[in-house]
Amino acid sequence: MKVGITEVAARAQVSEATVSRVINRRQGVSKKTRDAVEQAMAELGYERQTQGQLVAVITEFVSNPFFADVAERIESALAPHGLKTVLCPAFPGGVQERDFISALVDKGVAAVVFLSASNTVEGADTETYELLRQRRVPYVGINGEFADGVPTPVFSTDDALAAELAVDHLHRLGHRRIGMASGPAGNQPADRRVRGFV
């Protein structure tokens, strides 16, 4: 027998509308209720549709332990919500990034995370973001702001302040010849660190 939202609602003792909100990851459901629905789904063997379960993580630095760790943490945070992470290694702002997004949008991707990808590159092509906005696919940037005029949430350290604090610390220790190795010009986090260093 195929299990539907009616059976899940009865098991969790909630309305079918609440089950639908949990399945579609909508707001307005308490954690306790969401957990009860998720548990009922697991107990009954309810299978979510695969469409809309994938979250693309776009990053260039898959071999860098820091970015690998962040990608794993994203995956751990999404898994309890029935979402699956797809890691997409691509040169920031390049054709490959655009191709990944185009293909995944057609498959019904739930969201996209730009992890030090085109969101960190000054003057990056905004075509990818336009496609996501048109298809109403949410996206977020980590470690860098998006191009001017692209409204989206960004999670990032305060690079300028971090560099300023590092120089201040070394200066207080008596060091006067302080150098800085930085990323390429045009990489927004690197540029912010240079400004803080100066």
C-alpha atoms as a PDB file:
ATOM      1  CA  MET A   1       0.000   0.000   0.000  1.00  0.00           C
ATOM      2  CA  LYS A   2       1.328   3.423  -0.935  1.00  0.00           C
ATOM      3  CA  VAL A   3       1.536   5.824   1.991  1.00  0.00           C
ATOM      4  CA  GLY A   4       0.190   9.348   1.401  1.00  0.00           C
ATOM      5  CA  ILE A   5      -0.059  12.543   3.415  1.00  0.00           C
ATOM      6  CA  THR A   6      -3.436  11.446   4.845  1.00  0.00           C
ATOM      7  CA  GLU A   7      -1.805   8.512   6.639  1.00  0.00           C
ATOM      8  CA  VAL A   8       1.142  10.651   7.767  1.00  0.00           C
ATOM      9  CA  ALA A   9      -1.234  13.320   9.139  1.00  0.00           C
ATOM     10  CA  ALA A  10      -3.208  10.690  11.080  1.00  0.00           C
ATOM     11  CA  ARG A  11      -0.033   9.143  12.557  1.00  0.00           C
ATOM     12  CA  ALA A  12       1.416  12.541  13.542  1.00  0.00           C
ATOM     13  CA  GLN A  13      -2.006  13.821  14.718  1.00  0.00           C
ATOM     14  CA  VAL A  14      -1.817  16.957  12.588  1.00  0.00           C
ATOM     15  CA  SER A  15      -3.661  18.292   9.564  1.00  0.00           C
ATOM     16  CA  GLU A  16      -2.798  17.316   6.000  1.00  0.00           C
ATOM     17  CA  ALA A  17      -1.943  20.986   5.387  1.00  0.00           C
ATOM     18  CA  THR A  18       0.702  20.786   8.138  1.00  0.00           C
ATOM     19  CA  VAL A  19       2.180  17.634   6.593  1.00  0.00           C
ATOM     20  CA  SER A  20       2.289  19.420   3.241  1.00  0.00           C
ATOM     21  CA  ARG A  21       4.112  22.379   4.807  1.00  0.00           C
ATOM     22  CA  VAL A  22       6.707  20.040   6.325  1.00  0.00           C
ATOM     23  CA  ILE A  23       7.197  18.121   3.067  1.00  0.00           C
ATOM     24  CA  ASN A  24       7.623  21.360   1.127  1.00  0.00           C
ATOM     25  CA  ARG A  25       9.829  22.936   3.823  1.00  0.00           C
ATOM     26  CA  ARG A  26       7.479  25.889   4.374  1.00  0.00           C
ATOM     27  CA  GLN A  27       7.572  28.270   7.348  1.00  0.00           C
ATOM     28  CA  GLY A  28       4.985  28.297  10.121  1.00  0.00           C
ATOM     29  CA  VAL A  29       5.548  24.831  11.616  1.00  0.00           C
ATOM     30  CA  SER A  30       7.036  24.458  15.079  1.00  0.00           C
ATOM     31  CA  LYS A  31      10.086  22.246  15.549  1.00  0.00           C
ATOM     32  CA  LYS A  32       8.081  19.844  17.729  1.00  0.00           C
ATOM     33  CA  THR A  33       5.374  19.449  15.086  1.00  0.00           C
ATOM     34  CA  ARG A  34       7.923  19.205  12.254  1.00  0.00           C
ATOM     35  CA  ASP A  35       9.772  16.459  14.165  1.00  0.00           C
ATOM     36  CA  ALA A  36       6.514  14.562  14.776  1.00  0.00           C
ATOM     37  CA  VAL A  37       5.664  14.683  11.054  1.00  0.00           C
ATOM     38  CA  GLU A  38       9.185  13.607  10.061  1.00  0.00           C
ATOM     39  CA  GLN A  39       9.008  10.715  12.538  1.00  0.00           C
ATOM     40  CA  ALA A  40       5.594   9.631  11.203  1.00  0.00           C
ATOM     41  CA  MET A  41       6.958   9.743   7.649  1.00  0.00           C
ATOM     42  CA  ALA A  42       9.899   7.548   8.669  1.00  0.00           C
ATOM     43  CA  GLU A  43       7.714   5.064  10.582  1.00  0.00           C
ATOM     44  CA  LEU A  44       5.231   4.711   7.727  1.00  0.00           C
ATOM     45  CA  GLY A  45       7.878   4.587   5.011  1.00  0.00           C
ATOM     46  CA  TYR A  46       6.585   7.721   3.288  1.00  0.00           C
ATOM     47  CA  GLU A  47       8.797   8.494   0.284  1.00  0.00           C
ATOM     48  CA  ARG A  48       9.349  12.106  -0.641  1.00  0.00           C
ATOM     49  CA  GLN A  49       9.449  12.972  -4.291  1.00  0.00           C
ATOM     50  CA  THR A  50      13.014  13.381  -5.486  1.00  0.00           C
ATOM     51  CA  GLN A  51      12.261  16.623  -7.320  1.00  0.00           C
ATOM     52  CA  GLY A  52      13.015  19.618  -5.152  1.00  0.00           C
ATOM     53  CA  GLN A  53      15.228  17.686  -2.712  1.00  0.00           C
ATOM     54  CA  LEU A  54      18.604  18.701  -4.112  1.00  0.00           C
ATOM     55  CA  VAL A  55      20.624  21.654  -2.871  1.00  0.00           C
ATOM     56  CA  ALA A  56      23.576  22.535  -5.086  1.00  0.00           C
ATOM     57  CA  VAL A  57      26.764  23.708  -3.391  1.00  0.00           C
ATOM     58  CA  ILE A  58      28.876  25.517  -5.988  1.00  0.00           C
ATOM     59  CA  THR A  59      32.552  25.823  -5.053  1.00  0.00           C
ATOM     60  CA  GLU A  60      35.936  25.802  -6.728  1.00  0.00           C
ATOM     61  CA  PHE A  61      37.949  24.612  -3.780  1.00  0.00           C
ATOM     62  CA  VAL A  62      36.868  20.988  -3.250  1.00  0.00           C
ATOM     63  CA  SER A  63      40.435  19.929  -2.406  1.00  0.00           C
ATOM     64  CA  ASN A  64      40.803  22.635   0.264  1.00  0.00           C
ATOM     65  CA  PRO A  65      40.027  21.123   3.707  1.00  0.00           C
ATOM     66  CA  PHE A  66      38.252  24.307   4.862  1.00  0.00           C
ATOM     67  CA  PHE A  67      35.744  24.264   1.994  1.00  0.00           C
ATOM     68  CA  ALA A  68      35.328  20.478   2.244  1.00  0.00           C
ATOM     69  CA  ASP A  69      34.469  20.907   5.935  1.00  0.00           C
ATOM     70  CA  VAL A  70      31.967  23.695   5.209  1.00  0.00           C
ATOM     71  CA  ALA A  71      30.328  21.562   2.488  1.00  0.00           C
ATOM     72  CA  GLU A  72      30.019  18.664   4.968  1.00  0.00           C
ATOM     73  CA  ARG A  73      28.460  20.962   7.562  1.00  0.00           C
ATOM     74  CA  ILE A  74      25.947  22.230   4.981  1.00  0.00           C
ATOM     75  CA  GLU A  75      25.078  18.634   4.161  1.00  0.00           C
ATOM     76  CA  SER A  76      24.626  17.776   7.867  1.00  0.00           C
ATOM     77  CA  ALA A  77      22.342  20.762   8.405  1.00  0.00           C
ATOM     78  CA  LEU A  78      20.165  19.961   5.378  1.00  0.00           C
ATOM     79  CA  ALA A  79      19.837  16.175   5.799  1.00  0.00           C
ATOM     80  CA  PRO A  80      17.285  16.273   8.668  1.00  0.00           C
ATOM     81  CA  HIS A  81      14.998  18.268   6.370  1.00  0.00           C
ATOM     82  CA  GLY A  82      15.051  15.629   3.650  1.00  0.00           C
ATOM     83  CA  LEU A  83      17.423  17.625   1.459  1.00  0.00           C
ATOM     84  CA  LYS A  84      20.406  16.162  -0.345  1.00  0.00           C
ATOM     85  CA  THR A  85      23.562  18.106  -1.126  1.00  0.00           C
ATOM     86  CA  VAL A  86      25.127  17.995  -4.562  1.00  0.00           C
ATOM     87  CA  LEU A  87      28.698  19.317  -4.672  1.00  0.00           C
ATOM     88  CA  CYS A  88      29.425  21.134  -7.931  1.00  0.00           C
ATOM     89  CA  PRO A  89      33.119  21.954  -8.455  1.00  0.00           C
ATOM     90  CA  ALA A  90      33.314  24.854 -10.876  1.00  0.00           C
ATOM     91  CA  PHE A  91      35.578  27.789 -11.652  1.00  0.00           C
ATOM     92  CA  PRO A  92      33.890  30.873 -10.113  1.00  0.00           C
ATOM     93  CA  GLY A  93      31.724  32.702 -12.616  1.00  0.00           C
ATOM     94  CA  GLY A  94      32.725  30.397 -15.462  1.00  0.00           C
ATOM     95  CA  VAL A  95      30.676  28.511 -18.025  1.00  0.00           C
ATOM     96  CA  GLN A  96      30.779  25.344 -15.930  1.00  0.00           C
ATOM     97  CA  GLU A  97      29.039  27.091 -13.033  1.00  0.00           C
ATOM     98  CA  ARG A  98      26.295  28.343 -15.360  1.00  0.00           C
ATOM     99  CA  ASP A  99      25.932  24.842 -16.878  1.00  0.00           C
ATOM    100  CA  PHE A 100      25.558  23.226 -13.442  1.00  0.00           C
ATOM    101  CA  ILE A 101      22.866  25.710 -12.452  1.00  0.00           C
ATOM    102  CA  SER A 102      20.961  25.393 -15.751  1.00  0.00           C
ATOM    103  CA  ALA A 103      20.923  21.594 -15.533  1.00  0.00           C
ATOM    104  CA  LEU A 104      19.900  21.509 -11.881  1.00  0.00           C
ATOM    105  CA  VAL A 105      17.177  24.127 -12.258  1.00  0.00           C
ATOM    106  CA  ASP A 106      15.617  21.965 -14.976  1.00  0.00           C
ATOM    107  CA  LYS A 107      15.672  19.005 -12.551  1.00  0.00           C
ATOM    108  CA  GLY A 108      13.927  20.965  -9.807  1.00  0.00           C
ATOM    109  CA  VAL A 109      16.766  21.952  -7.474  1.00  0.00           C
ATOM    110  CA  ALA A 110      15.482  23.235  -4.110  1.00  0.00           C
ATOM    111  CA  ALA A 111      18.222  25.831  -3.536  1.00  0.00           C
ATOM    112  CA  VAL A 112      21.775  26.831  -4.411  1.00  0.00           C
ATOM    113  CA  VAL A 113      24.669  27.701  -2.098  1.00  0.00           C
ATOM    114  CA  PHE A 114      27.536  29.672  -3.636  1.00  0.00           C
ATOM    115  CA  LEU A 115      30.519  28.724  -1.461  1.00  0.00           C
ATOM    116  CA  SER A 116      33.327  31.076  -2.452  1.00  0.00           C
ATOM    117  CA  ALA A 117      32.175  30.817  -6.058  1.00  0.00           C
ATOM    118  CA  SER A 118      31.071  33.606  -8.415  1.00  0.00           C
ATOM    119  CA  ASN A 119      29.712  35.473  -5.390  1.00  0.00           C
ATOM    120  CA  THR A 120      33.322  36.298  -4.494  1.00  0.00           C
ATOM    121  CA  VAL A 121      34.463  37.431  -7.942  1.00  0.00           C
ATOM    122  CA  GLU A 122      34.326  41.117  -8.764  1.00  0.00           C
ATOM    123  CA  GLY A 123      32.365  41.771 -11.967  1.00  0.00           C
ATOM    124  CA  ALA A 124      30.958  38.211 -12.179  1.00  0.00           C
ATOM    125  CA  ASP A 125      28.280  37.545 -14.779  1.00  0.00           C
ATOM    126  CA  THR A 126      24.834  37.840 -13.184  1.00  0.00           C
ATOM    127  CA  GLU A 127      23.087  35.582 -15.733  1.00  0.00           C
ATOM    128  CA  THR A 128      23.124  32.625 -13.331  1.00  0.00           C
ATOM    129  CA  TYR A 129      21.437  34.642 -10.576  1.00  0.00           C
ATOM    130  CA  GLU A 130      18.845  35.934 -13.035  1.00  0.00           C
ATOM    131  CA  LEU A 131      17.961  32.349 -13.984  1.00  0.00           C
ATOM    132  CA  LEU A 132      17.558  31.385 -10.322  1.00  0.00           C
ATOM    133  CA  ARG A 133      15.379  34.433  -9.628  1.00  0.00           C
ATOM    134  CA  GLN A 134      13.191  33.749 -12.666  1.00  0.00           C
ATOM    135  CA  ARG A 135      12.637  30.158 -11.538  1.00  0.00           C
ATOM    136  CA  ARG A 136      12.121  31.294  -7.917  1.00  0.00           C
ATOM    137  CA  VAL A 137      14.964  29.116  -6.643  1.00  0.00           C
ATOM    138  CA  PRO A 138      16.424  30.510  -3.394  1.00  0.00           C
ATOM    139  CA  TYR A 139      20.177  30.966  -3.180  1.00  0.00           C
ATOM    140  CA  VAL A 140      22.712  32.198  -0.669  1.00  0.00           C
ATOM    141  CA  GLY A 141      26.356  33.252  -0.732  1.00  0.00           C
ATOM    142  CA  ILE A 142      29.066  32.159   1.671  1.00  0.00           C
ATOM    143  CA  ASN A 143      32.320  34.085   2.023  1.00  0.00           C
ATOM    144  CA  GLY A 144      31.480  36.852  -0.411  1.00  0.00           C
ATOM    145  CA  GLU A 145      28.889  39.346  -1.568  1.00  0.00           C
ATOM    146  CA  PHE A 146      27.137  39.065  -4.906  1.00  0.00           C
ATOM    147  CA  ALA A 147      27.497  41.544  -7.753  1.00  0.00           C
ATOM    148  CA  ASP A 148      26.009  45.000  -7.267  1.00  0.00           C
ATOM    149  CA  GLY A 149      22.248  44.976  -7.334  1.00  0.00           C
ATOM    150  CA  VAL A 150      21.856  41.230  -6.669  1.00  0.00           C
ATOM    151  CA  PRO A 151      19.747  41.018  -3.507  1.00  0.00           C
ATOM    152  CA  THR A 152      20.485  37.858  -1.531  1.00  0.00           C
ATOM    153  CA  PRO A 153      21.585  36.727   1.929  1.00  0.00           C
ATOM    154  CA  VAL A 154      25.326  36.377   2.444  1.00  0.00           C
ATOM    155  CA  PHE A 155      27.159  34.669   5.309  1.00  0.00           C
ATOM    156  CA  SER A 156      30.722  35.855   5.648  1.00  0.00           C
ATOM    157  CA  THR A 157      33.367  36.752   8.144  1.00  0.00           C
ATOM    158  CA  ASP A 158      34.319  40.410   8.495  1.00  0.00           C
ATOM    159  CA  ASP A 159      37.512  40.039   6.442  1.00  0.00           C
ATOM    160  CA  ALA A 160      38.601  43.653   6.778  1.00  0.00           C
ATOM    161  CA  LEU A 161      38.262  43.622  10.558  1.00  0.00           C
ATOM    162  CA  ALA A 162      40.007  40.239  10.832  1.00  0.00           C
ATOM    163  CA  ALA A 163      43.070  41.548   8.954  1.00  0.00           C
ATOM    164  CA  GLU A 164      43.065  44.770  10.951  1.00  0.00           C
ATOM    165  CA  LEU A 165      42.958  42.828  14.238  1.00  0.00           C
ATOM    166  CA  ALA A 166      45.813  40.563  13.103  1.00  0.00           C
ATOM    167  CA  VAL A 167      48.033  43.533  12.250  1.00  0.00           C
ATOM    168  CA  ASP A 168      47.093  45.273  15.501  1.00  0.00           C
ATOM    169  CA  HIS A 169      48.037  42.145  17.466  1.00  0.00           C
ATOM    170  CA  LEU A 170      51.426  41.865  15.755  1.00  0.00           C
ATOM    171  CA  HIS A 171      52.058  45.610  16.195  1.00  0.00           C
ATOM    172  CA  ARG A 172      51.294  45.378  19.926  1.00  0.00           C
ATOM    173  CA  LEU A 173      53.863  42.563  20.152  1.00  0.00           C
ATOM    174  CA  GLY A 174      56.459  45.011  18.786  1.00  0.00           C
ATOM    175  CA  HIS A 175      56.598  43.867  15.165  1.00  0.00           C
ATOM    176  CA  ARG A 176      56.984  46.674  12.623  1.00  0.00           C
ATOM    177  CA  ARG A 177      57.810  44.861   9.375  1.00  0.00           C
ATOM    178  CA  ILE A 178      54.557  43.034   8.689  1.00  0.00           C
ATOM    179  CA  GLY A 179      53.733  41.552   5.312  1.00  0.00           C
ATOM    180  CA  MET A 180      50.628  39.953   3.905  1.00  0.00           C
ATOM    181  CA  ALA A 181      50.096  37.158   1.384  1.00  0.00           C
ATOM    182  CA  SER A 182      46.691  37.535  -0.214  1.00  0.00           C
ATOM    183  CA  GLY A 183      44.455  36.044  -2.866  1.00  0.00           C
ATOM    184  CA  PRO A 184      44.152  37.440  -6.396  1.00  0.00           C
ATOM    185  CA  ALA A 185      42.956  41.013  -6.983  1.00  0.00           C
ATOM    186  CA  GLY A 186      39.257  41.011  -7.780  1.00  0.00           C
ATOM    187  CA  ASN A 187      38.496  38.310  -5.212  1.00  0.00           C
ATOM    188  CA  GLN A 188      36.234  40.193  -2.804  1.00  0.00           C
ATOM    189  CA  PRO A 189      37.241  38.473   0.464  1.00  0.00           C
ATOM    190  CA  ALA A 190      40.948  38.861  -0.401  1.00  0.00           C
ATOM    191  CA  ASP A 191      40.435  42.518  -1.357  1.00  0.00           C
ATOM    192  CA  ARG A 192      38.636  43.173   1.941  1.00  0.00           C
ATOM    193  CA  ARG A 193      41.507  41.573   3.881  1.00  0.00           C
ATOM    194  CA  VAL A 194      44.019  43.777   2.058  1.00  0.00           C
ATOM    195  CA  ARG A 195      41.981  46.879   2.936  1.00  0.00           C
ATOM    196  CA  GLY A 196      41.904  45.809   6.581  1.00  0.00           C
ATOM    197  CA  PHE A 197      45.635  45.117   6.534  1.00  0.00           C
ATOM    198  CA  VAL A 198      46.379  48.565   5.090  1.00  0.00           C
END
